[in-house]
Full PDB file with SEQRES, HELIX, SHEET, SSBOND, CRYST1, ORIGX, SCALE, CONECT and MASTER records, all heavy atoms in Angstrom:
SEQRES   1 A   37  GLN TYR PHE TYR LYS ASP GLY VAL LYS VAL GLU ASP ARG          
SEQRES   2 A   37  THR LYS PRO ASN CYS ARG LEU PRO HIS ASN TRP HIS LYS          
SEQRES   3 A   37  LEU LEU VAL ASP GLN LYS VAL SER TYR LEU VAL                  
HELIX    1 AA1 TRP A   24  LEU A   36  1                                  13    
SHEET    1 AA1 2 TYR A   2  LYS A   5  0                                        
SHEET    2 AA1 2 VAL A   8  GLU A  11 -1                                        
CRYST1    1.000    1.000    1.000  90.00  90.00  90.00 P 1           1          
ORIGX1      1.000000  0.000000  0.000000        0.00000                         
ORIGX2      0.000000  1.000000  0.000000        0.00000                         
ORIGX3      0.000000  0.000000  1.000000        0.00000                         
SCALE1      1.000000  0.000000  0.000000        0.00000                         
SCALE2      0.000000  1.000000  0.000000        0.00000                         
SCALE3      0.000000  0.000000  1.000000        0.00000                         
ATOM      1  N   GLN A   1     -35.438  14.650   0.739  1.00  0.00           N  
ATOM      2  CA  GLN A   1     -35.941  14.258   2.051  1.00  0.00           C  
ATOM      3  C   GLN A   1     -35.017  14.831   3.120  1.00  0.00           C  
ATOM      4  O   GLN A   1     -33.788  14.859   2.944  1.00  0.00           O  
ATOM      5  CB  GLN A   1     -36.000  12.729   2.167  1.00  0.00           C  
ATOM      6  CG  GLN A   1     -36.932  12.061   1.164  1.00  0.00           C  
ATOM      7  CD  GLN A   1     -38.392  12.158   1.587  1.00  0.00           C  
ATOM      8  OE1 GLN A   1     -38.792  13.097   2.254  1.00  0.00           O  
ATOM      9  NE2 GLN A   1     -39.184  11.165   1.199  1.00  0.00           N  
ATOM     10  N   TYR A   2     -35.604  15.281   4.222  1.00  0.00           N  
ATOM     11  CA  TYR A   2     -34.810  15.905   5.281  1.00  0.00           C  
ATOM     12  C   TYR A   2     -35.139  15.293   6.642  1.00  0.00           C  
ATOM     13  O   TYR A   2     -36.191  14.674   6.821  1.00  0.00           O  
ATOM     14  CB  TYR A   2     -35.086  17.415   5.334  1.00  0.00           C  
ATOM     15  CG  TYR A   2     -34.651  18.164   4.103  1.00  0.00           C  
ATOM     16  CD1 TYR A   2     -35.545  18.418   3.060  1.00  0.00           C  
ATOM     17  CD2 TYR A   2     -33.344  18.630   3.974  1.00  0.00           C  
ATOM     18  CE1 TYR A   2     -35.152  19.103   1.928  1.00  0.00           C  
ATOM     19  CE2 TYR A   2     -32.936  19.327   2.841  1.00  0.00           C  
ATOM     20  CZ  TYR A   2     -33.841  19.562   1.830  1.00  0.00           C  
ATOM     21  OH  TYR A   2     -33.445  20.248   0.714  1.00  0.00           O  
ATOM     22  N   PHE A   3     -34.235  15.487   7.602  1.00  0.00           N  
ATOM     23  CA  PHE A   3     -34.489  15.203   9.016  1.00  0.00           C  
ATOM     24  C   PHE A   3     -33.726  16.236   9.826  1.00  0.00           C  
ATOM     25  O   PHE A   3     -32.863  16.951   9.309  1.00  0.00           O  
ATOM     26  CB  PHE A   3     -34.069  13.782   9.374  1.00  0.00           C  
ATOM     27  CG  PHE A   3     -32.567  13.581   9.418  1.00  0.00           C  
ATOM     28  CD1 PHE A   3     -31.883  13.606  10.625  1.00  0.00           C  
ATOM     29  CD2 PHE A   3     -31.849  13.353   8.248  1.00  0.00           C  
ATOM     30  CE1 PHE A   3     -30.508  13.428  10.667  1.00  0.00           C  
ATOM     31  CE2 PHE A   3     -30.472  13.171   8.282  1.00  0.00           C  
ATOM     32  CZ  PHE A   3     -29.801  13.207   9.493  1.00  0.00           C  
ATOM     33  N   TYR A   4     -34.088  16.332  11.103  1.00  0.00           N  
ATOM     34  CA  TYR A   4     -33.446  17.318  11.983  1.00  0.00           C  
ATOM     35  C   TYR A   4     -32.445  16.627  12.891  1.00  0.00           C  
ATOM     36  O   TYR A   4     -32.762  15.655  13.569  1.00  0.00           O  
ATOM     37  CB  TYR A   4     -34.489  18.058  12.812  1.00  0.00           C  
ATOM     38  CG  TYR A   4     -35.229  19.099  12.009  1.00  0.00           C  
ATOM     39  CD1 TYR A   4     -36.388  18.765  11.315  1.00  0.00           C  
ATOM     40  CD2 TYR A   4     -34.761  20.402  11.929  1.00  0.00           C  
ATOM     41  CE1 TYR A   4     -37.065  19.719  10.568  1.00  0.00           C  
ATOM     42  CE2 TYR A   4     -35.424  21.359  11.177  1.00  0.00           C  
ATOM     43  CZ  TYR A   4     -36.576  21.013  10.506  1.00  0.00           C  
ATOM     44  OH  TYR A   4     -37.242  21.958   9.755  1.00  0.00           O  
ATOM     45  N   LYS A   5     -31.221  17.123  12.878  1.00  0.00           N  
ATOM     46  CA  LYS A   5     -30.152  16.602  13.727  1.00  0.00           C  
ATOM     47  C   LYS A   5     -29.602  17.752  14.557  1.00  0.00           C  
ATOM     48  O   LYS A   5     -29.068  18.718  14.021  1.00  0.00           O  
ATOM     49  CB  LYS A   5     -29.040  15.994  12.863  1.00  0.00           C  
ATOM     50  CG  LYS A   5     -27.904  15.385  13.680  1.00  0.00           C  
ATOM     51  CD  LYS A   5     -26.872  14.758  12.766  1.00  0.00           C  
ATOM     52  CE  LYS A   5     -25.748  14.114  13.577  1.00  0.00           C  
ATOM     53  NZ  LYS A   5     -24.730  13.497  12.695  1.00  0.00           N  
ATOM     54  N   ASP A   6     -29.787  17.618  15.858  1.00  0.00           N  
ATOM     55  CA  ASP A   6     -29.369  18.664  16.784  1.00  0.00           C  
ATOM     56  C   ASP A   6     -29.986  20.010  16.413  1.00  0.00           C  
ATOM     57  O   ASP A   6     -29.333  21.069  16.470  1.00  0.00           O  
ATOM     58  CB  ASP A   6     -27.837  18.794  16.823  1.00  0.00           C  
ATOM     59  CG  ASP A   6     -27.160  17.513  17.279  1.00  0.00           C  
ATOM     60  OD1 ASP A   6     -27.770  16.803  18.112  1.00  0.00           O  
ATOM     61  OD2 ASP A   6     -26.048  17.232  16.799  1.00  0.00           O  
ATOM     62  N   GLY A   7     -31.251  19.949  15.995  1.00  0.00           N  
ATOM     63  CA  GLY A   7     -31.962  21.178  15.659  1.00  0.00           C  
ATOM     64  C   GLY A   7     -31.639  21.753  14.304  1.00  0.00           C  
ATOM     65  O   GLY A   7     -32.140  22.829  13.945  1.00  0.00           O  
ATOM     66  N   VAL A   8     -30.823  21.049  13.513  1.00  0.00           N  
ATOM     67  CA  VAL A   8     -30.428  21.540  12.187  1.00  0.00           C  
ATOM     68  C   VAL A   8     -31.065  20.651  11.115  1.00  0.00           C  
ATOM     69  O   VAL A   8     -31.011  19.421  11.215  1.00  0.00           O  
ATOM     70  CB  VAL A   8     -28.891  21.544  12.033  1.00  0.00           C  
ATOM     71  CG1 VAL A   8     -28.500  22.017  10.640  1.00  0.00           C  
ATOM     72  CG2 VAL A   8     -28.258  22.415  13.098  1.00  0.00           C  
ATOM     73  N   LYS A   9     -31.644  21.274  10.089  1.00  0.00           N  
ATOM     74  CA  LYS A   9     -32.267  20.543   8.998  1.00  0.00           C  
ATOM     75  C   LYS A   9     -31.190  19.981   8.076  1.00  0.00           C  
ATOM     76  O   LYS A   9     -30.384  20.726   7.515  1.00  0.00           O  
ATOM     77  CB  LYS A   9     -33.195  21.470   8.209  1.00  0.00           C  
ATOM     78  CG  LYS A   9     -34.043  20.770   7.165  1.00  0.00           C  
ATOM     79  CD  LYS A   9     -34.986  21.768   6.489  1.00  0.00           C  
ATOM     80  CE  LYS A   9     -35.854  21.099   5.443  1.00  0.00           C  
ATOM     81  NZ  LYS A   9     -36.747  22.078   4.778  1.00  0.00           N  
ATOM     82  N   VAL A  10     -31.181  18.648   7.941  1.00  0.00           N  
ATOM     83  CA  VAL A  10     -30.143  17.969   7.167  1.00  0.00           C  
ATOM     84  C   VAL A  10     -30.803  17.067   6.130  1.00  0.00           C  
ATOM     85  O   VAL A  10     -31.832  16.436   6.408  1.00  0.00           O  
ATOM     86  CB  VAL A  10     -29.229  17.129   8.083  1.00  0.00           C  
ATOM     87  CG1 VAL A  10     -28.146  16.429   7.262  1.00  0.00           C  
ATOM     88  CG2 VAL A  10     -28.608  17.995   9.166  1.00  0.00           C  
ATOM     89  N   GLU A  11     -30.220  17.010   4.906  1.00  0.00           N  
ATOM     90  CA  GLU A  11     -30.767  16.128   3.878  1.00  0.00           C  
ATOM     91  C   GLU A  11     -30.553  14.671   4.272  1.00  0.00           C  
ATOM     92  O   GLU A  11     -29.462  14.278   4.699  1.00  0.00           O  
ATOM     93  CB  GLU A  11     -30.111  16.398   2.530  1.00  0.00           C  
ATOM     94  CG  GLU A  11     -30.696  15.556   1.410  1.00  0.00           C  
ATOM     95  CD  GLU A  11     -30.064  15.819   0.064  1.00  0.00           C  
ATOM     96  OE1 GLU A  11     -29.206  16.727  -0.039  1.00  0.00           O  
ATOM     97  OE2 GLU A  11     -30.422  15.103  -0.905  1.00  0.00           O  
ATOM     98  N   ASP A  12     -31.607  13.883   4.135  1.00  0.00           N  
ATOM     99  CA  ASP A  12     -31.559  12.453   4.468  1.00  0.00           C  
ATOM    100  C   ASP A  12     -31.397  11.668   3.166  1.00  0.00           C  
ATOM    101  O   ASP A  12     -32.323  11.557   2.371  1.00  0.00           O  
ATOM    102  CB  ASP A  12     -32.836  12.038   5.190  1.00  0.00           C  
ATOM    103  CG  ASP A  12     -32.752  10.634   5.770  1.00  0.00           C  
ATOM    104  OD1 ASP A  12     -31.827   9.893   5.378  1.00  0.00           O  
ATOM    105  OD2 ASP A  12     -33.591  10.282   6.614  1.00  0.00           O  
ATOM    106  N   ARG A  13     -30.210  11.125   2.950  1.00  0.00           N  
ATOM    107  CA  ARG A  13     -29.933  10.380   1.720  1.00  0.00           C  
ATOM    108  C   ARG A  13     -30.230   8.892   1.866  1.00  0.00           C  
ATOM    109  O   ARG A  13     -30.091   8.138   0.904  1.00  0.00           O  
ATOM    110  CB  ARG A  13     -28.469  10.584   1.320  1.00  0.00           C  
ATOM    111  CG  ARG A  13     -28.105  12.030   1.015  1.00  0.00           C  
ATOM    112  CD  ARG A  13     -26.662  12.180   0.583  1.00  0.00           C  
ATOM    113  NE  ARG A  13     -26.296  13.575   0.349  1.00  0.00           N  
ATOM    114  CZ  ARG A  13     -26.516  14.231  -0.788  1.00  0.00           C  
ATOM    115  NH1 ARG A  13     -27.080  13.597  -1.801  1.00  0.00           N  
ATOM    116  NH2 ARG A  13     -26.146  15.501  -0.914  1.00  0.00           N  
ATOM    117  N   THR A  14     -30.591   8.452   3.083  1.00  0.00           N  
ATOM    118  CA  THR A  14     -30.890   7.026   3.300  1.00  0.00           C  
ATOM    119  C   THR A  14     -32.374   6.732   3.227  1.00  0.00           C  
ATOM    120  O   THR A  14     -32.769   5.600   2.958  1.00  0.00           O  
ATOM    121  CB  THR A  14     -30.358   6.585   4.674  1.00  0.00           C  
ATOM    122  OG1 THR A  14     -31.015   7.332   5.710  1.00  0.00           O  
ATOM    123  CG2 THR A  14     -28.846   6.813   4.761  1.00  0.00           C  
ATOM    124  N   LYS A  15     -33.193   7.720   3.444  1.00  0.00           N  
ATOM    125  CA  LYS A  15     -34.647   7.526   3.436  1.00  0.00           C  
ATOM    126  C   LYS A  15     -35.140   7.341   2.000  1.00  0.00           C  
ATOM    127  O   LYS A  15     -34.636   7.997   1.076  1.00  0.00           O  
ATOM    128  CB  LYS A  15     -35.316   8.750   4.063  1.00  0.00           C  
ATOM    129  CG  LYS A  15     -36.822   8.620   4.292  1.00  0.00           C  
ATOM    130  CD  LYS A  15     -37.344   9.872   4.967  1.00  0.00           C  
ATOM    131  CE  LYS A  15     -38.846   9.802   5.186  1.00  0.00           C  
ATOM    132  NZ  LYS A  15     -39.214   8.709   6.109  1.00  0.00           N  
ATOM    133  N   PRO A  16     -36.092   6.431   1.756  1.00  0.00           N  
ATOM    134  CA  PRO A  16     -36.655   6.271   0.407  1.00  0.00           C  
ATOM    135  C   PRO A  16     -37.165   7.600  -0.138  1.00  0.00           C  
ATOM    136  O   PRO A  16     -37.855   8.338   0.566  1.00  0.00           O  
ATOM    137  CB  PRO A  16     -37.800   5.274   0.607  1.00  0.00           C  
ATOM    138  CG  PRO A  16     -37.411   4.496   1.822  1.00  0.00           C  
ATOM    139  CD  PRO A  16     -36.679   5.460   2.714  1.00  0.00           C  
ATOM    140  N   ASN A  17     -36.818   7.898  -1.366  1.00  0.00           N  
ATOM    141  CA  ASN A  17     -37.214   9.175  -1.969  1.00  0.00           C  
ATOM    142  C   ASN A  17     -37.628   8.934  -3.419  1.00  0.00           C  
ATOM    143  O   ASN A  17     -36.924   9.296  -4.366  1.00  0.00           O  
ATOM    144  CB  ASN A  17     -36.072  10.182  -1.895  1.00  0.00           C  
ATOM    145  CG  ASN A  17     -36.479  11.570  -2.381  1.00  0.00           C  
ATOM    146  OD1 ASN A  17     -37.662  11.877  -2.461  1.00  0.00           O  
ATOM    147  ND2 ASN A  17     -35.500  12.394  -2.712  1.00  0.00           N  
ATOM    148  N   CYS A  18     -38.777   8.306  -3.574  1.00  0.00           N  
ATOM    149  CA  CYS A  18     -39.319   8.080  -4.924  1.00  0.00           C  
ATOM    150  C   CYS A  18     -39.794   9.416  -5.493  1.00  0.00           C  
ATOM    151  O   CYS A  18     -40.497  10.171  -4.820  1.00  0.00           O  
ATOM    152  CB  CYS A  18     -40.476   7.093  -4.869  1.00  0.00           C  
ATOM    153  SG  CYS A  18     -40.000   5.445  -4.311  1.00  0.00           S  
ATOM    154  N   ARG A  19     -39.404   9.700  -6.717  1.00  0.00           N  
ATOM    155  CA  ARG A  19     -39.806  10.945  -7.388  1.00  0.00           C  
ATOM    156  C   ARG A  19     -40.427  10.561  -8.723  1.00  0.00           C  
ATOM    157  O   ARG A  19     -39.720  10.281  -9.683  1.00  0.00           O  
ATOM    158  CB  ARG A  19     -38.592  11.852  -7.556  1.00  0.00           C  
ATOM    159  CG  ARG A  19     -38.065  12.384  -6.228  1.00  0.00           C  
ATOM    160  CD  ARG A  19     -36.736  13.085  -6.357  1.00  0.00           C  
ATOM    161  NE  ARG A  19     -35.652  12.144  -6.613  1.00  0.00           N  
ATOM    162  CZ  ARG A  19     -34.365  12.477  -6.593  1.00  0.00           C  
ATOM    163  NH1 ARG A  19     -34.017  13.724  -6.347  1.00  0.00           N  
ATOM    164  NH2 ARG A  19     -33.445  11.582  -6.826  1.00  0.00           N  
ATOM    165  N   LEU A  20     -41.750  10.540  -8.749  1.00  0.00           N  
ATOM    166  CA  LEU A  20     -42.479   9.971  -9.889  1.00  0.00           C  
ATOM    167  C   LEU A  20     -43.288  11.047 -10.611  1.00  0.00           C  
ATOM    168  O   LEU A  20     -44.384  11.410 -10.189  1.00  0.00           O  
ATOM    169  CB  LEU A  20     -43.413   8.853  -9.405  1.00  0.00           C  
ATOM    170  CG  LEU A  20     -42.742   7.751  -8.567  1.00  0.00           C  
ATOM    171  CD1 LEU A  20     -43.798   6.770  -8.055  1.00  0.00           C  
ATOM    172  CD2 LEU A  20     -41.691   7.027  -9.390  1.00  0.00           C  
ATOM    173  N   PRO A  21     -42.750  11.601 -11.708  1.00  0.00           N  
ATOM    174  CA  PRO A  21     -43.521  12.581 -12.491  1.00  0.00           C  
ATOM    175  C   PRO A  21     -44.553  11.892 -13.368  1.00  0.00           C  
ATOM    176  O   PRO A  21     -44.345  10.771 -13.849  1.00  0.00           O  
ATOM    177  CB  PRO A  21     -42.441  13.260 -13.332  1.00  0.00           C  
ATOM    178  CG  PRO A  21     -41.401  12.208 -13.519  1.00  0.00           C  
ATOM    179  CD  PRO A  21     -41.410  11.369 -12.263  1.00  0.00           C  
ATOM    180  N   HIS A  22     -45.669  12.551 -13.565  1.00  0.00           N  
ATOM    181  CA  HIS A  22     -46.734  12.048 -14.441  1.00  0.00           C  
ATOM    182  C   HIS A  22     -46.977  13.101 -15.512  1.00  0.00           C  
ATOM    183  O   HIS A  22     -47.348  14.235 -15.194  1.00  0.00           O  
ATOM    184  CB  HIS A  22     -48.007  11.775 -13.640  1.00  0.00           C  
ATOM    185  CG  HIS A  22     -47.849  10.710 -12.607  1.00  0.00           C  
ATOM    186  ND1 HIS A  22     -47.190  10.941 -11.416  1.00  0.00           N  
ATOM    187  CD2 HIS A  22     -48.246   9.413 -12.593  1.00  0.00           C  
ATOM    188  CE1 HIS A  22     -47.196   9.833 -10.695  1.00  0.00           C  
ATOM    189  NE2 HIS A  22     -47.824   8.889 -11.382  1.00  0.00           N  
ATOM    190  N   ASN A  23     -46.787  12.735 -16.767  1.00  0.00           N  
ATOM    191  CA  ASN A  23     -46.755  13.727 -17.839  1.00  0.00           C  
ATOM    192  C   ASN A  23     -48.156  14.049 -18.361  1.00  0.00           C  
ATOM    193  O   ASN A  23     -48.470  13.879 -19.545  1.00  0.00           O  
ATOM    194  CB  ASN A  23     -45.857  13.247 -18.979  1.00  0.00           C  
ATOM    195  CG  ASN A  23     -45.209  14.420 -19.703  1.00  0.00           C  
ATOM    196  OD1 ASN A  23     -45.658  15.551 -19.578  1.00  0.00           O  
ATOM    197  ND2 ASN A  23     -44.161  14.165 -20.441  1.00  0.00           N  
ATOM    198  N   TRP A  24     -48.995  14.560 -17.462  1.00  0.00           N  
ATOM    199  CA  TRP A  24     -50.336  14.989 -17.864  1.00  0.00           C  
ATOM    200  C   TRP A  24     -50.251  16.156 -18.846  1.00  0.00           C  
ATOM    201  O   TRP A  24     -51.075  16.267 -19.760  1.00  0.00           O  
ATOM    202  CB  TRP A  24     -51.139  15.425 -16.637  1.00  0.00           C  
ATOM    203  CG  TRP A  24     -51.389  14.359 -15.622  1.00  0.00           C  
ATOM    204  CD1 TRP A  24     -50.813  14.237 -14.391  1.00  0.00           C  
ATOM    205  CD2 TRP A  24     -52.293  13.241 -15.742  1.00  0.00           C  
ATOM    206  NE1 TRP A  24     -51.285  13.127 -13.739  1.00  0.00           N  
ATOM    207  CE2 TRP A  24     -52.199  12.496 -14.543  1.00  0.00           C  
ATOM    208  CE3 TRP A  24     -53.148  12.806 -16.738  1.00  0.00           C  
ATOM    209  CZ2 TRP A  24     -52.938  11.347 -14.314  1.00  0.00           C  
ATOM    210  CZ3 TRP A  24     -53.900  11.659 -16.510  1.00  0.00           C  
ATOM    211  CH2 TRP A  24     -53.788  10.946 -15.317  1.00  0.00           C  
ATOM    212  N   HIS A  25     -49.279  17.031 -18.632  1.00  0.00           N  
ATOM    213  CA  HIS A  25     -49.174  18.225 -19.490  1.00  0.00           C  
ATOM    214  C   HIS A  25     -48.944  17.841 -20.945  1.00  0.00           C  
ATOM    215  O   HIS A  25     -49.597  18.380 -21.848  1.00  0.00           O  
ATOM    216  CB  HIS A  25     -48.032  19.113 -18.979  1.00  0.00           C  
ATOM    217  CG  HIS A  25     -47.795  20.331 -19.815  1.00  0.00           C  
ATOM    218  ND1 HIS A  25     -48.785  21.261 -20.082  1.00  0.00           N  
ATOM    219  CD2 HIS A  25     -46.672  20.778 -20.457  1.00  0.00           C  
ATOM    220  CE1 HIS A  25     -48.286  22.218 -20.845  1.00  0.00           C  
ATOM    221  NE2 HIS A  25     -47.019  21.951 -21.091  1.00  0.00           N  
ATOM    222  N   LYS A  26     -48.043  16.929 -21.205  1.00  0.00           N  
ATOM    223  CA  LYS A  26     -47.786  16.490 -22.582  1.00  0.00           C  
ATOM    224  C   LYS A  26     -49.034  15.862 -23.188  1.00  0.00           C  
ATOM    225  O   LYS A  26     -49.360  16.107 -24.355  1.00  0.00           O  
ATOM    226  CB  LYS A  26     -46.632  15.497 -22.625  1.00  0.00           C  
ATOM    227  CG  LYS A  26     -46.256  15.031 -24.033  1.00  0.00           C  
ATOM    228  CD  LYS A  26     -45.081  14.078 -24.012  1.00  0.00           C  
ATOM    229  CE  LYS A  26     -44.606  13.752 -25.430  1.00  0.00           C  
ATOM    230  NZ  LYS A  26     -45.657  13.118 -26.255  1.00  0.00           N  
ATOM    231  N   LEU A  27     -49.734  15.063 -22.398  1.00  0.00           N  
ATOM    232  CA  LEU A  27     -50.960  14.430 -22.889  1.00  0.00           C  
ATOM    233  C   LEU A  27     -51.978  15.471 -23.313  1.00  0.00           C  
ATOM    234  O   LEU A  27     -52.563  15.390 -24.407  1.00  0.00           O  
ATOM    235  CB  LEU A  27     -51.539  13.523 -21.796  1.00  0.00           C  
ATOM    236  CG  LEU A  27     -52.924  12.926 -22.063  1.00  0.00           C  
ATOM    237  CD1 LEU A  27     -52.893  12.015 -23.276  1.00  0.00           C  
ATOM    238  CD2 LEU A  27     -53.424  12.178 -20.844  1.00  0.00           C  
ATOM    239  N   LEU A  28     -52.181  16.497 -22.472  1.00  0.00           N  
ATOM    240  CA  LEU A  28     -53.183  17.513 -22.774  1.00  0.00           C  
ATOM    241  C   LEU A  28     -52.762  18.382 -23.963  1.00  0.00           C  
ATOM    242  O   LEU A  28     -53.593  18.734 -24.808  1.00  0.00           O  
ATOM    243  CB  LEU A  28     -53.416  18.387 -21.544  1.00  0.00           C  
ATOM    244  CG  LEU A  28     -54.129  17.683 -20.379  1.00  0.00           C  
ATOM    245  CD1 LEU A  28     -54.036  18.517 -19.112  1.00  0.00           C  
ATOM    246  CD2 LEU A  28     -55.587  17.415 -20.724  1.00  0.00           C  
ATOM    247  N   VAL A  29     -51.479  18.720 -24.043  1.00  0.00           N  
ATOM    248  CA  VAL A  29     -50.992  19.532 -25.173  1.00  0.00           C  
ATOM    249  C   VAL A  29     -51.106  18.738 -26.472  1.00  0.00           C  
ATOM    250  O   VAL A  29     -51.578  19.263 -27.490  1.00  0.00           O  
ATOM    251  CB  VAL A  29     -49.538  19.982 -24.931  1.00  0.00           C  
ATOM    252  CG1 VAL A  29     -48.929  20.556 -26.217  1.00  0.00           C  
ATOM    253  CG2 VAL A  29     -49.480  21.016 -23.823  1.00  0.00           C  
ATOM    254  N   ASP A  30     -50.683  17.488 -26.452  1.00  0.00           N  
ATOM    255  CA  ASP A  30     -50.748  16.668 -27.668  1.00  0.00           C  
ATOM    256  C   ASP A  30     -52.186  16.463 -28.121  1.00  0.00           C  
ATOM    257  O   ASP A  30     -52.464  16.404 -29.324  1.00  0.00           O  
ATOM    258  CB  ASP A  30     -50.074  15.314 -27.429  1.00  0.00           C  
ATOM    259  CG  ASP A  30     -48.560  15.428 -27.344  1.00  0.00           C  
ATOM    260  OD1 ASP A  30     -48.033  16.517 -27.655  1.00  0.00           O  
ATOM    261  OD2 ASP A  30     -47.898  14.442 -26.964  1.00  0.00           O  
ATOM    262  N   GLN A  31     -53.110  16.359 -27.159  1.00  0.00           N  
ATOM    263  CA  GLN A  31     -54.529  16.251 -27.518  1.00  0.00           C  
ATOM    264  C   GLN A  31     -54.975  17.477 -28.303  1.00  0.00           C  
ATOM    265  O   GLN A  31     -55.603  17.372 -29.362  1.00  0.00           O  
ATOM    266  CB  GLN A  31     -55.390  16.112 -26.257  1.00  0.00           C  
ATOM    267  CG  GLN A  31     -55.570  14.699 -25.749  1.00  0.00           C  
ATOM    268  CD  GLN A  31     -56.643  14.625 -24.677  1.00  0.00           C  
ATOM    269  OE1 GLN A  31     -57.263  15.626 -24.306  1.00  0.00           O  
ATOM    270  NE2 GLN A  31     -56.865  13.436 -24.163  1.00  0.00           N  
ATOM    271  N   LYS A  32     -54.645  18.662 -27.783  1.00  0.00           N  
ATOM    272  CA  LYS A  32     -55.085  19.898 -28.439  1.00  0.00           C  
ATOM    273  C   LYS A  32     -54.443  20.068 -29.808  1.00  0.00           C  
ATOM    274  O   LYS A  32     -55.122  20.431 -30.782  1.00  0.00           O  
ATOM    275  CB  LYS A  32     -54.759  21.104 -27.550  1.00  0.00           C  
ATOM    276  CG  LYS A  32     -55.262  22.421 -28.124  1.00  0.00           C  
ATOM    277  CD  LYS A  32     -55.016  23.593 -27.201  1.00  0.00           C  
ATOM    278  CE  LYS A  32     -53.590  24.044 -27.217  1.00  0.00           C  
ATOM    279  NZ  LYS A  32     -53.401  25.331 -26.508  1.00  0.00           N  
ATOM    280  N   VAL A  33     -53.149  19.798 -29.888  1.00  0.00           N  
ATOM    281  CA  VAL A  33     -52.436  19.960 -31.159  1.00  0.00           C  
ATOM    282  C   VAL A  33     -52.985  19.003 -32.208  1.00  0.00           C  
ATOM    283  O   VAL A  33     -53.256  19.405 -33.351  1.00  0.00           O  
ATOM    284  CB  VAL A  33     -50.923  19.737 -30.955  1.00  0.00           C  
ATOM    285  CG1 VAL A  33     -50.195  19.707 -32.288  1.00  0.00           C  
ATOM    286  CG2 VAL A  33     -50.335  20.830 -30.060  1.00  0.00           C  
ATOM    287  N   SER A  34     -53.172  17.749 -31.841  1.00  0.00           N  
ATOM    288  CA  SER A  34     -53.700  16.765 -32.794  1.00  0.00           C  
ATOM    289  C   SER A  34     -55.122  17.093 -33.196  1.00  0.00           C  
ATOM    290  O   SER A  34     -55.522  16.905 -34.350  1.00  0.00           O  
ATOM    291  CB  SER A  34     -53.630  15.365 -32.183  1.00  0.00           C  
ATOM    292  OG  SER A  34     -52.294  14.990 -31.925  1.00  0.00           O  
ATOM    293  N   TYR A  35     -55.897  17.585 -32.246  1.00  0.00           N  
ATOM    294  CA  TYR A  35     -57.295  17.921 -32.520  1.00  0.00           C  
ATOM    295  C   TYR A  35     -57.405  19.098 -33.490  1.00  0.00           C  
ATOM    296  O   TYR A  35     -58.205  19.073 -34.424  1.00  0.00           O  
ATOM    297  CB  TYR A  35     -57.992  18.246 -31.206  1.00  0.00           C  
ATOM    298  CG  TYR A  35     -59.437  18.674 -31.344  1.00  0.00           C  
ATOM    299  CD1 TYR A  35     -60.421  17.770 -31.711  1.00  0.00           C  
ATOM    300  CD2 TYR A  35     -59.821  19.998 -31.097  1.00  0.00           C  
ATOM    301  CE1 TYR A  35     -61.747  18.159 -31.835  1.00  0.00           C  
ATOM    302  CE2 TYR A  35     -61.139  20.396 -31.219  1.00  0.00           C  
ATOM    303  CZ  TYR A  35     -62.101  19.477 -31.589  1.00  0.00           C  
ATOM    304  OH  TYR A  35     -63.410  19.861 -31.714  1.00  0.00           O  
ATOM    305  N   LEU A  36     -56.558  20.125 -33.283  1.00  0.00           N  
ATOM    306  CA  LEU A  36     -56.696  21.342 -34.081  1.00  0.00           C  
ATOM    307  C   LEU A  36     -55.951  21.275 -35.405  1.00  0.00           C  
ATOM    308  O   LEU A  36     -56.495  21.664 -36.449  1.00  0.00           O  
ATOM    309  CB  LEU A  36     -56.194  22.549 -33.275  1.00  0.00           C  
ATOM    310  CG  LEU A  36     -56.313  23.911 -33.958  1.00  0.00           C  
ATOM    311  CD1 LEU A  36     -57.772  24.231 -34.262  1.00  0.00           C  
ATOM    312  CD2 LEU A  36     -55.704  25.004 -33.090  1.00  0.00           C  
ATOM    313  N   VAL A  37     -54.710  20.776 -35.415  1.00  0.00           N  
ATOM    314  CA  VAL A  37     -53.899  20.803 -36.638  1.00  0.00           C  
ATOM    315  C   VAL A  37     -53.358  19.426 -36.996  1.00  0.00           C  
ATOM    316  O   VAL A  37     -52.376  19.322 -37.728  1.00  0.00           O  
ATOM    317  CB  VAL A  37     -52.734  21.820 -36.506  1.00  0.00           C  
ATOM    318  CG1 VAL A  37     -53.274  23.227 -36.405  1.00  0.00           C  
ATOM    319  CG2 VAL A  37     -51.847  21.502 -35.303  1.00  0.00           C  
TER     320      VAL A  37                                                      
MASTER        0    0    0    1    2    0    0    6  319    1    0    3          
END                                                                             
């Protein structure tokens, strides 16, 4: 997360920064692998 201070882009370490990955790729790969072999 960033904010601008005096015209300069600075990382904001106080702002909430939820980073939530969703493993759709593993689900789709495991489906194909289980289906075929």
